[in-house]
Amino acid sequence: MSGMPSSTPQHSVTVGFDLDMTLIDSRPGIKAAFEALSAATGTFVDADLAITRLGPPLEQELAHWFPDEQIEEMVEMYRTMYPEYAIAPTLAMPGAREAIAAVRQAGGRSVVVTAKHEPNAKLHLAHLGIEADAVVGWLWAEAKGEALREYGASVYVGDHTGDVRGARTAGALSVAVATGPCDAEELRTAGADVVLDDLTAFPAWLARHLEG
């Protein structure tokens, strides 16, 4: 798998983080990218609707707007256009930088595990100055568990029920933030171990977790 280490050094804690709507508010950028794709193809895409259901792979969203035989081509077109339209408008979520810093200050490391196209995920983090120790893309839901296990992550932080399933698959603690399309009750019902309002609460939670 891309980005996988040959061996896993020992750290006090390794924390996995989802990207979209966990570390970054990519809605403005993704909206702009979908609007550009719509203009380029002449096919209507309701970008405002699309950004309310971020999390699953791009192919799932494109299937709402394009026939099956065009999906692969549209994925490539979207990803090619993405850096021009989506990186600059995207913002860091409140507490994102501090959450990553808290892991580092605890002597641990952070790994971003996302369904997003990995090169574009790295562009987002670099643009926003969010310095994770590793980035693994192209993984969704249970498939995220593979990367989390490879990196020895004992905690996975995400905003979607798919992230809860990924944590469960890896045997990691599921810490959910209610900043994406899934509300706190939905995340709890999905099996999240901890539900936070947003990442601003994460450093204090991590400190308590490590003390315990």
Protein backbone atom coordinates (compact mmCIF):
# COMPACT_ATOMS: atom_id res chain seq x y z
CA MET A 1 0.00 0.00 0.00
CA SER A 2 1.12 3.53 -0.76
CA GLY A 3 2.97 5.18 2.07
CA MET A 4 3.21 2.07 4.23
CA PRO A 5 6.29 1.79 6.46
CA SER A 6 8.54 -1.25 6.32
CA SER A 7 8.58 -1.31 10.11
CA THR A 8 6.69 0.54 12.80
CA PRO A 9 8.80 2.35 15.40
CA GLN A 10 7.54 2.44 18.96
CA HIS A 11 5.75 5.61 20.01
CA SER A 12 3.70 6.41 23.08
CA VAL A 13 0.64 6.77 20.89
CA THR A 14 -0.21 6.80 17.20
CA VAL A 15 -3.40 8.64 16.31
CA GLY A 16 -5.13 8.39 12.96
CA PHE A 17 -7.13 11.31 11.63
CA ASP A 18 -9.67 11.52 8.83
CA LEU A 19 -9.28 14.54 6.54
CA ASP A 20 -12.48 16.02 5.10
CA MET A 21 -14.67 17.64 7.78
CA THR A 22 -12.35 16.32 10.49
CA LEU A 23 -9.08 18.20 9.91
CA ILE A 24 -10.21 20.41 7.01
CA ASP A 25 -13.40 22.13 5.94
CA SER A 26 -13.15 21.25 2.27
CA ARG A 27 -16.72 22.21 1.40
CA PRO A 28 -15.86 25.52 -0.33
CA GLY A 29 -13.10 23.88 -2.37
CA ILE A 30 -15.07 20.78 -3.30
CA LYS A 31 -18.05 22.92 -4.28
CA ALA A 32 -15.79 24.94 -6.61
CA ALA A 33 -14.33 21.75 -8.09
CA PHE A 34 -17.76 20.23 -8.75
CA GLU A 35 -18.95 23.47 -10.33
CA ALA A 36 -15.89 23.48 -12.59
CA LEU A 37 -16.53 19.85 -13.55
CA SER A 38 -20.15 20.65 -14.29
CA ALA A 39 -19.16 23.57 -16.49
CA ALA A 40 -16.52 21.54 -18.33
CA THR A 41 -18.84 18.61 -19.05
CA GLY A 42 -22.16 20.39 -19.52
CA THR A 43 -23.67 17.98 -16.97
CA PHE A 44 -25.58 19.41 -14.02
CA VAL A 45 -24.03 18.63 -10.64
CA ASP A 46 -25.74 20.03 -7.56
CA ALA A 47 -22.57 21.09 -5.78
CA ASP A 48 -24.47 22.43 -2.76
CA LEU A 49 -26.04 19.02 -2.25
CA ALA A 50 -22.81 17.13 -2.89
CA ILE A 51 -20.94 18.92 -0.11
CA THR A 52 -23.55 17.86 2.46
CA ARG A 53 -22.51 14.21 2.11
CA LEU A 54 -18.71 14.27 2.14
CA GLY A 55 -16.85 11.22 3.34
CA PRO A 56 -17.47 8.34 0.93
CA PRO A 57 -15.30 7.91 -2.18
CA LEU A 58 -15.67 10.36 -5.05
CA GLU A 59 -17.06 7.61 -7.29
CA GLN A 60 -20.16 7.35 -5.11
CA GLU A 61 -20.97 11.04 -5.49
CA LEU A 62 -20.29 11.13 -9.22
CA ALA A 63 -22.65 8.19 -9.71
CA HIS A 64 -25.52 10.53 -8.79
CA TRP A 65 -24.77 12.72 -11.81
CA PHE A 66 -23.05 10.64 -14.49
CA PRO A 67 -23.79 7.25 -16.09
CA ASP A 68 -21.67 4.31 -14.95
CA GLU A 69 -19.62 4.20 -18.13
CA GLN A 70 -18.42 7.79 -17.57
CA ILE A 71 -17.50 7.53 -13.88
CA GLU A 72 -13.85 6.57 -14.38
CA GLU A 73 -13.29 9.39 -16.85
CA MET A 74 -15.06 11.91 -14.58
CA VAL A 75 -12.96 10.83 -11.58
CA GLU A 76 -9.78 11.54 -13.53
CA MET A 77 -11.09 14.88 -14.80
CA TYR A 78 -12.19 15.96 -11.33
CA ARG A 79 -8.88 15.00 -9.74
CA THR A 80 -6.94 16.82 -12.43
CA MET A 81 -8.99 19.99 -11.90
CA TYR A 82 -9.02 19.70 -8.12
CA PRO A 83 -5.71 21.40 -7.26
CA GLU A 84 -6.63 24.52 -9.24
CA TYR A 85 -10.09 24.95 -7.72
CA ALA A 86 -10.22 23.22 -4.35
CA ILE A 87 -6.99 23.81 -2.43
CA ALA A 88 -7.01 27.58 -1.88
CA PRO A 89 -10.64 27.91 -0.63
CA THR A 90 -10.35 25.06 1.88
CA LEU A 91 -9.92 25.94 5.55
CA ALA A 92 -8.53 24.13 8.57
CA MET A 93 -11.21 22.96 10.97
CA PRO A 94 -11.17 24.65 14.39
CA GLY A 95 -8.60 22.90 16.55
CA ALA A 96 -7.04 20.89 13.71
CA ARG A 97 -3.49 22.17 14.06
CA GLU A 98 -3.72 22.00 17.85
CA ALA A 99 -4.92 18.38 17.71
CA ILE A 100 -1.93 17.33 15.60
CA ALA A 101 0.37 19.33 17.88
CA ALA A 102 -1.07 17.62 20.97
CA VAL A 103 -0.16 14.21 19.58
CA ARG A 104 3.38 15.37 18.83
CA GLN A 105 3.76 16.97 22.27
CA ALA A 106 2.73 13.64 23.80
CA GLY A 107 5.65 11.99 21.99
CA GLY A 108 3.33 10.32 19.52
CA ARG A 109 2.71 10.54 15.83
CA SER A 110 -0.28 11.29 13.64
CA VAL A 111 -1.29 9.60 10.40
CA VAL A 112 -3.99 10.96 8.10
CA VAL A 113 -6.08 8.15 6.59
CA THR A 114 -8.60 9.39 4.04
CA ALA A 115 -10.72 8.36 1.09
CA LYS A 116 -9.39 11.36 -0.80
CA HIS A 117 -6.94 11.07 -3.71
CA GLU A 118 -3.66 10.93 -1.79
CA PRO A 119 -1.75 13.63 -3.77
CA ASN A 120 -4.63 16.07 -3.26
CA ALA A 121 -4.81 15.22 0.44
CA LYS A 122 -1.13 16.08 0.76
CA LEU A 123 -1.67 19.36 -1.10
CA HIS A 124 -4.37 20.35 1.39
CA LEU A 125 -2.20 19.64 4.41
CA ALA A 126 0.81 21.45 2.97
CA HIS A 127 -1.28 24.49 2.01
CA LEU A 128 -2.75 24.72 5.52
CA GLY A 129 0.48 23.96 7.36
CA ILE A 130 -0.91 20.85 9.05
CA GLU A 131 2.08 18.56 9.58
CA ALA A 132 1.04 14.93 9.94
CA ASP A 133 3.71 12.25 10.12
CA ALA A 134 2.15 10.22 7.31
CA VAL A 135 -0.71 10.43 4.82
CA VAL A 136 -2.53 7.46 3.29
CA GLY A 137 -5.27 8.05 0.74
CA TRP A 138 -7.84 6.13 -1.29
CA LEU A 139 -9.27 4.26 1.72
CA TRP A 140 -12.87 4.32 2.93
CA ALA A 141 -14.67 2.85 5.93
CA GLU A 142 -13.46 -0.67 6.81
CA ALA A 143 -10.57 -0.36 4.35
CA LYS A 144 -9.12 2.39 6.55
CA GLY A 145 -8.49 -0.27 9.15
CA GLU A 146 -5.68 -1.71 7.04
CA ALA A 147 -3.62 1.49 7.19
CA LEU A 148 -4.46 2.05 10.84
CA ARG A 149 -3.19 -1.41 11.73
CA GLU A 150 -0.04 -0.97 9.62
CA TYR A 151 0.83 2.21 11.49
CA GLY A 152 -0.15 0.82 14.88
CA ALA A 153 -2.80 3.47 15.48
CA SER A 154 -4.66 2.95 18.74
CA VAL A 155 -7.03 5.88 18.14
CA TYR A 156 -8.82 7.01 14.97
CA VAL A 157 -10.53 10.39 14.82
CA GLY A 158 -13.20 11.01 12.20
CA ASP A 159 -16.53 12.66 11.52
CA HIS A 160 -18.41 9.92 9.66
CA THR A 161 -19.94 6.56 10.58
CA GLY A 162 -17.56 5.12 7.98
CA ASP A 163 -14.70 6.35 10.15
CA VAL A 164 -16.19 4.57 13.14
CA ARG A 165 -16.26 1.36 11.12
CA GLY A 166 -12.64 1.91 10.09
CA ALA A 167 -11.57 2.32 13.71
CA ARG A 168 -13.51 -0.78 14.71
CA THR A 169 -11.90 -2.82 11.93
CA ALA A 170 -8.46 -1.78 13.18
CA GLY A 171 -9.26 -2.48 16.82
CA ALA A 172 -8.65 1.21 17.51
CA LEU A 173 -10.57 3.54 19.80
CA SER A 174 -13.12 5.47 17.74
CA VAL A 175 -13.11 9.19 18.56
CA ALA A 176 -15.79 10.98 16.55
CA VAL A 177 -16.23 14.70 16.00
CA ALA A 178 -19.69 15.99 15.14
CA THR A 179 -18.41 18.39 12.49
CA GLY A 180 -19.39 16.51 9.34
CA PRO A 181 -22.56 15.02 7.84
CA CYS A 182 -23.22 12.70 10.82
CA ASP A 183 -24.58 14.15 14.05
CA ALA A 184 -23.48 13.09 17.52
CA GLU A 185 -26.33 10.63 18.03
CA GLU A 186 -25.69 8.95 14.69
CA LEU A 187 -22.00 8.59 15.57
CA ARG A 188 -22.82 7.10 18.97
CA THR A 189 -25.30 4.68 17.43
CA ALA A 190 -22.62 3.60 14.94
CA GLY A 191 -20.41 2.62 17.87
CA ALA A 192 -18.11 5.59 18.46
CA ASP A 193 -16.33 5.25 21.81
CA VAL A 194 -16.01 9.01 22.29
CA VAL A 195 -17.96 11.84 20.64
CA LEU A 196 -16.57 15.38 20.76
CA ASP A 197 -18.24 18.54 19.49
CA ASP A 198 -15.13 19.36 17.48
CA LEU A 199 -11.35 19.03 17.54
CA THR A 200 -10.90 21.90 19.99
CA ALA A 201 -11.82 19.36 22.69
CA PHE A 202 -9.29 16.79 21.49
CA PRO A 203 -6.07 17.90 23.27
CA ALA A 204 -7.74 17.75 26.69
CA TRP A 205 -9.33 14.40 25.86
CA LEU A 206 -5.98 13.01 24.68
CA ALA A 207 -4.27 14.12 27.86
CA ARG A 208 -6.93 12.33 29.95
CA HIS A 209 -6.72 9.25 27.74
CA LEU A 210 -2.96 8.97 28.08
CA GLU A 211 -3.08 9.51 31.84
CA GLY A 212 -5.64 6.73 32.14
